Amino acid sequence: MALTDTACKNAKATDKPQKLSDSGGLHLFVSPSGSRLWRMAYRFDGKQKQLSFGA
């Protein structure tokens, strides 16, 4: 599923952290405080890693 601009803008903070993801490993992390961070999950040397791009 593609991550749309509308879904990113309308993401609200809840009592638990949430991830709005696309199919390629990129996701928007929405924390309970309301901050939004772009993150990407990938594998390197057989281990799962996570790269943060910022707000």
PDB file of N, CA and C in Angstrom:
ATOM      1  N   MET A   1       0.846  -1.185   0.000  1.00  0.00           N
ATOM      2  CA  MET A   1       0.000   0.000   0.000  1.00  0.00           C
ATOM      3  C   MET A   1       0.885   1.240   0.000  1.00  0.00           C
ATOM      4  N   ALA A   2       0.552   2.194  -0.804  1.00  0.00           N
ATOM      5  CA  ALA A   2       1.324   3.431  -0.887  1.00  0.00           C
ATOM      6  C   ALA A   2       0.967   4.349   0.281  1.00  0.00           C
ATOM      7  N   LEU A   3       1.957   5.047   0.755  1.00  0.00           N
ATOM      8  CA  LEU A   3       1.766   6.016   1.819  1.00  0.00           C
ATOM      9  C   LEU A   3       1.441   7.352   1.170  1.00  0.00           C
ATOM     10  N   THR A   4       0.278   7.895   1.463  1.00  0.00           N
ATOM     11  CA  THR A   4      -0.164   9.119   0.803  1.00  0.00           C
ATOM     12  C   THR A   4       0.152  10.351   1.639  1.00  0.00           C
ATOM     13  N   ASP A   5       0.190  11.479   0.967  1.00  0.00           N
ATOM     14  CA  ASP A   5       0.437  12.751   1.625  1.00  0.00           C
ATOM     15  C   ASP A   5      -0.684  13.075   2.610  1.00  0.00           C
ATOM     16  N   THR A   6      -1.906  12.770   2.231  1.00  0.00           N
ATOM     17  CA  THR A   6      -3.059  13.038   3.091  1.00  0.00           C
ATOM     18  C   THR A   6      -2.990  12.217   4.374  1.00  0.00           C
ATOM     19  N   ALA A   7      -2.595  10.952   4.265  1.00  0.00           N
ATOM     20  CA  ALA A   7      -2.494  10.094   5.447  1.00  0.00           C
ATOM     21  C   ALA A   7      -1.409  10.603   6.393  1.00  0.00           C
ATOM     22  N   CYS A   8      -0.312  11.111   5.857  1.00  0.00           N
ATOM     23  CA  CYS A   8       0.776  11.641   6.688  1.00  0.00           C
ATOM     24  C   CYS A   8       0.349  12.909   7.426  1.00  0.00           C
ATOM     25  N   LYS A   9      -0.334  13.784   6.716  1.00  0.00           N
ATOM     26  CA  LYS A   9      -0.763  15.039   7.335  1.00  0.00           C
ATOM     27  C   LYS A   9      -1.850  14.841   8.383  1.00  0.00           C
ATOM     28  N   ASN A  10      -2.695  13.812   8.203  1.00  0.00           N
ATOM     29  CA  ASN A  10      -3.815  13.582   9.115  1.00  0.00           C
ATOM     30  C   ASN A  10      -3.473  12.640  10.266  1.00  0.00           C
ATOM     31  N   ALA A  11      -2.234  12.193  10.365  1.00  0.00           N
ATOM     32  CA  ALA A  11      -1.841  11.267  11.440  1.00  0.00           C
ATOM     33  C   ALA A  11      -1.899  11.988  12.782  1.00  0.00           C
ATOM     34  N   LYS A  12      -2.632  11.431  13.707  1.00  0.00           N
ATOM     35  CA  LYS A  12      -2.800  12.014  15.036  1.00  0.00           C
ATOM     36  C   LYS A  12      -2.070  11.177  16.079  1.00  0.00           C
ATOM     37  N   ALA A  13      -1.642  11.798  17.151  1.00  0.00           N
ATOM     38  CA  ALA A  13      -0.984  11.102  18.247  1.00  0.00           C
ATOM     39  C   ALA A  13      -2.014  10.284  19.026  1.00  0.00           C
ATOM     40  N   THR A  14      -1.615   9.076  19.412  1.00  0.00           N
ATOM     41  CA  THR A  14      -2.461   8.218  20.236  1.00  0.00           C
ATOM     42  C   THR A  14      -1.673   7.847  21.483  1.00  0.00           C
ATOM     43  N   ASP A  15      -2.248   7.004  22.325  1.00  0.00           N
ATOM     44  CA  ASP A  15      -1.559   6.627  23.558  1.00  0.00           C
ATOM     45  C   ASP A  15      -0.399   5.661  23.301  1.00  0.00           C
ATOM     46  N   LYS A  16      -0.343   5.066  22.111  1.00  0.00           N
ATOM     47  CA  LYS A  16       0.757   4.164  21.748  1.00  0.00           C
ATOM     48  C   LYS A  16       1.422   4.670  20.470  1.00  0.00           C
ATOM     49  N   PRO A  17       2.718   4.415  20.309  1.00  0.00           N
ATOM     50  CA  PRO A  17       3.381   4.806  19.058  1.00  0.00           C
ATOM     51  C   PRO A  17       2.781   4.047  17.874  1.00  0.00           C
ATOM     52  N   GLN A  18       2.755   4.690  16.725  1.00  0.00           N
ATOM     53  CA  GLN A  18       2.214   4.032  15.545  1.00  0.00           C
ATOM     54  C   GLN A  18       3.128   4.252  14.348  1.00  0.00           C
ATOM     55  N   LYS A  19       3.062   3.322  13.398  1.00  0.00           N
ATOM     56  CA  LYS A  19       3.847   3.399  12.176  1.00  0.00           C
ATOM     57  C   LYS A  19       2.898   3.399  10.986  1.00  0.00           C
ATOM     58  N   LEU A  20       3.067   4.372  10.117  1.00  0.00           N
ATOM     59  CA  LEU A  20       2.343   4.412   8.849  1.00  0.00           C
ATOM     60  C   LEU A  20       3.364   4.043   7.787  1.00  0.00           C
ATOM     61  N   SER A  21       3.222   2.870   7.192  1.00  0.00           N
ATOM     62  CA  SER A  21       4.281   2.377   6.322  1.00  0.00           C
ATOM     63  C   SER A  21       3.833   2.194   4.886  1.00  0.00           C
ATOM     64  N   ASP A  22       4.838   2.204   3.997  1.00  0.00           N
ATOM     65  CA  ASP A  22       4.604   1.834   2.613  1.00  0.00           C
ATOM     66  C   ASP A  22       5.164   0.430   2.408  1.00  0.00           C
ATOM     67  N   SER A  23       5.253  -0.018   1.193  1.00  0.00           N
ATOM     68  CA  SER A  23       5.695  -1.388   0.949  1.00  0.00           C
ATOM     69  C   SER A  23       7.205  -1.518   0.820  1.00  0.00           C
ATOM     70  N   GLY A  24       7.951  -0.427   0.843  1.00  0.00           N
ATOM     71  CA  GLY A  24       9.387  -0.484   0.606  1.00  0.00           C
ATOM     72  C   GLY A  24      10.258  -0.340   1.835  1.00  0.00           C
ATOM     73  N   GLY A  25       9.687  -0.372   3.030  1.00  0.00           N
ATOM     74  CA  GLY A  25      10.468  -0.259   4.246  1.00  0.00           C
ATOM     75  C   GLY A  25      10.446   1.129   4.870  1.00  0.00           C
ATOM     76  N   LEU A  26       9.974   2.128   4.128  1.00  0.00           N
ATOM     77  CA  LEU A  26       9.882   3.480   4.662  1.00  0.00           C
ATOM     78  C   LEU A  26       8.615   3.593   5.499  1.00  0.00           C
ATOM     79  N   HIS A  27       8.723   4.229   6.664  1.00  0.00           N
ATOM     80  CA  HIS A  27       7.518   4.460   7.454  1.00  0.00           C
ATOM     81  C   HIS A  27       7.617   5.765   8.224  1.00  0.00           C
ATOM     82  N   LEU A  28       6.461   6.316   8.518  1.00  0.00           N
ATOM     83  CA  LEU A  28       6.344   7.525   9.319  1.00  0.00           C
ATOM     84  C   LEU A  28       6.008   7.083  10.729  1.00  0.00           C
ATOM     85  N   PHE A  29       6.883   7.378  11.674  1.00  0.00           N
ATOM     86  CA  PHE A  29       6.694   7.002  13.071  1.00  0.00           C
ATOM     87  C   PHE A  29       6.055   8.178  13.787  1.00  0.00           C
ATOM     88  N   VAL A  30       4.886   7.940  14.384  1.00  0.00           N
ATOM     89  CA  VAL A  30       4.172   8.976  15.123  1.00  0.00           C
ATOM     90  C   VAL A  30       4.207   8.591  16.598  1.00  0.00           C
ATOM     91  N   SER A  31       4.885   9.414  17.404  1.00  0.00           N
ATOM     92  CA  SER A  31       5.030   9.112  18.825  1.00  0.00           C
ATOM     93  C   SER A  31       3.803   9.600  19.600  1.00  0.00           C
ATOM     94  N   PRO A  32       3.635   9.123  20.837  1.00  0.00           N
ATOM     95  CA  PRO A  32       2.495   9.578  21.654  1.00  0.00           C
ATOM     96  C   PRO A  32       2.510  11.083  21.930  1.00  0.00           C
ATOM     97  N   SER A  33       3.689  11.708  21.894  1.00  0.00           N
ATOM     98  CA  SER A  33       3.757  13.151  22.119  1.00  0.00           C
ATOM     99  C   SER A  33       3.345  13.947  20.882  1.00  0.00           C
ATOM    100  N   GLY A  34       3.228  13.266  19.725  1.00  0.00           N
ATOM    101  CA  GLY A  34       2.794  13.926  18.508  1.00  0.00           C
ATOM    102  C   GLY A  34       3.908  14.191  17.510  1.00  0.00           C
ATOM    103  N   SER A  35       5.151  13.921  17.874  1.00  0.00           N
ATOM    104  CA  SER A  35       6.243  14.144  16.930  1.00  0.00           C
ATOM    105  C   SER A  35       6.223  13.083  15.837  1.00  0.00           C
ATOM    106  N   ARG A  36       6.666  13.463  14.660  1.00  0.00           N
ATOM    107  CA  ARG A  36       6.678  12.563  13.506  1.00  0.00           C
ATOM    108  C   ARG A  36       8.101  12.441  12.988  1.00  0.00           C
ATOM    109  N   LEU A  37       8.524  11.206  12.778  1.00  0.00           N
ATOM    110  CA  LEU A  37       9.867  10.945  12.264  1.00  0.00           C
ATOM    111  C   LEU A  37       9.789   9.986  11.091  1.00  0.00           C
ATOM    112  N   TRP A  38      10.604  10.238  10.080  1.00  0.00           N
ATOM    113  CA  TRP A  38      10.710   9.323   8.946  1.00  0.00           C
ATOM    114  C   TRP A  38      11.781   8.300   9.267  1.00  0.00           C
ATOM    115  N   ARG A  39      11.472   7.035   9.092  1.00  0.00           N
ATOM    116  CA  ARG A  39      12.411   5.949   9.352  1.00  0.00           C
ATOM    117  C   ARG A  39      12.350   4.942   8.215  1.00  0.00           C
ATOM    118  N   MET A  40      13.459   4.226   8.030  1.00  0.00           N
ATOM    119  CA  MET A  40      13.510   3.192   7.001  1.00  0.00           C
ATOM    120  C   MET A  40      14.120   1.931   7.587  1.00  0.00           C
ATOM    121  N   ALA A  41      13.459   0.814   7.401  1.00  0.00           N
ATOM    122  CA  ALA A  41      13.952  -0.480   7.871  1.00  0.00           C
ATOM    123  C   ALA A  41      14.662  -1.171   6.708  1.00  0.00           C
ATOM    124  N   TYR A  42      15.833  -1.749   6.992  1.00  0.00           N
ATOM    125  CA  TYR A  42      16.585  -2.460   5.969  1.00  0.00           C
ATOM    126  C   TYR A  42      17.420  -3.553   6.626  1.00  0.00           C
ATOM    127  N   ARG A  43      18.035  -4.387   5.826  1.00  0.00           N
ATOM    128  CA  ARG A  43      18.903  -5.459   6.328  1.00  0.00           C
ATOM    129  C   ARG A  43      20.314  -5.248   5.826  1.00  0.00           C
ATOM    130  N   PHE A  44      21.287  -5.440   6.720  1.00  0.00           N
ATOM    131  CA  PHE A  44      22.701  -5.357   6.380  1.00  0.00           C
ATOM    132  C   PHE A  44      23.417  -6.493   7.090  1.00  0.00           C
ATOM    133  N   ASP A  45      24.132  -7.296   6.333  1.00  0.00           N
ATOM    134  CA  ASP A  45      24.844  -8.450   6.889  1.00  0.00           C
ATOM    135  C   ASP A  45      23.907  -9.412   7.611  1.00  0.00           C
ATOM    136  N   GLY A  46      22.684  -9.526   7.131  1.00  0.00           N
ATOM    137  CA  GLY A  46      21.715 -10.437   7.710  1.00  0.00           C
ATOM    138  C   GLY A  46      21.054  -9.933   8.978  1.00  0.00           C
ATOM    139  N   LYS A  47      21.341  -8.700   9.364  1.00  0.00           N
ATOM    140  CA  LYS A  47      20.737  -8.130  10.572  1.00  0.00           C
ATOM    141  C   LYS A  47      19.801  -6.984  10.185  1.00  0.00           C
ATOM    142  N   GLN A  48      18.710  -6.872  10.907  1.00  0.00           N
ATOM    143  CA  GLN A  48      17.774  -5.807  10.646  1.00  0.00           C
ATOM    144  C   GLN A  48      18.284  -4.511  11.256  1.00  0.00           C
ATOM    145  N   LYS A  49      18.258  -3.452  10.463  1.00  0.00           N
ATOM    146  CA  LYS A  49      18.711  -2.127  10.893  1.00  0.00           C
ATOM    147  C   LYS A  49      17.596  -1.134  10.658  1.00  0.00           C
ATOM    148  N   GLN A  50      17.750   0.056  11.253  1.00  0.00           N
ATOM    149  CA  GLN A  50      16.765   1.099  11.084  1.00  0.00           C
ATOM    150  C   GLN A  50      17.509   2.416  10.918  1.00  0.00           C
ATOM    151  N   LEU A  51      17.132   3.167   9.899  1.00  0.00           N
ATOM    152  CA  LEU A  51      17.749   4.460   9.594  1.00  0.00           C
ATOM    153  C   LEU A  51      16.705   5.538   9.793  1.00  0.00           C
ATOM    154  N   SER A  52      17.050   6.575  10.555  1.00  0.00           N
ATOM    155  CA  SER A  52      16.131   7.685  10.806  1.00  0.00           C
ATOM    156  C   SER A  52      16.542   8.884   9.955  1.00  0.00           C
ATOM    157  N   PHE A  53      15.564   9.499   9.315  1.00  0.00           N
ATOM    158  CA  PHE A  53      15.821  10.668   8.470  1.00  0.00           C
ATOM    159  C   PHE A  53      15.461  11.967   9.163  1.00  0.00           C
ATOM    160  N   GLY A  54      14.691  11.933  10.207  1.00  0.00           N
ATOM    161  CA  GLY A  54      14.322  13.132  10.927  1.00  0.00           C
ATOM    162  C   GLY A  54      12.891  13.545  10.669  1.00  0.00           C
ATOM    163  N   ALA A  55      12.562  14.687  11.167  1.00  0.00           N
ATOM    164  CA  ALA A  55      11.182  15.175  11.092  1.00  0.00           C
ATOM    165  C   ALA A  55      10.851  15.672   9.699  1.00  0.00           C
TER     166      ALA A  55
END
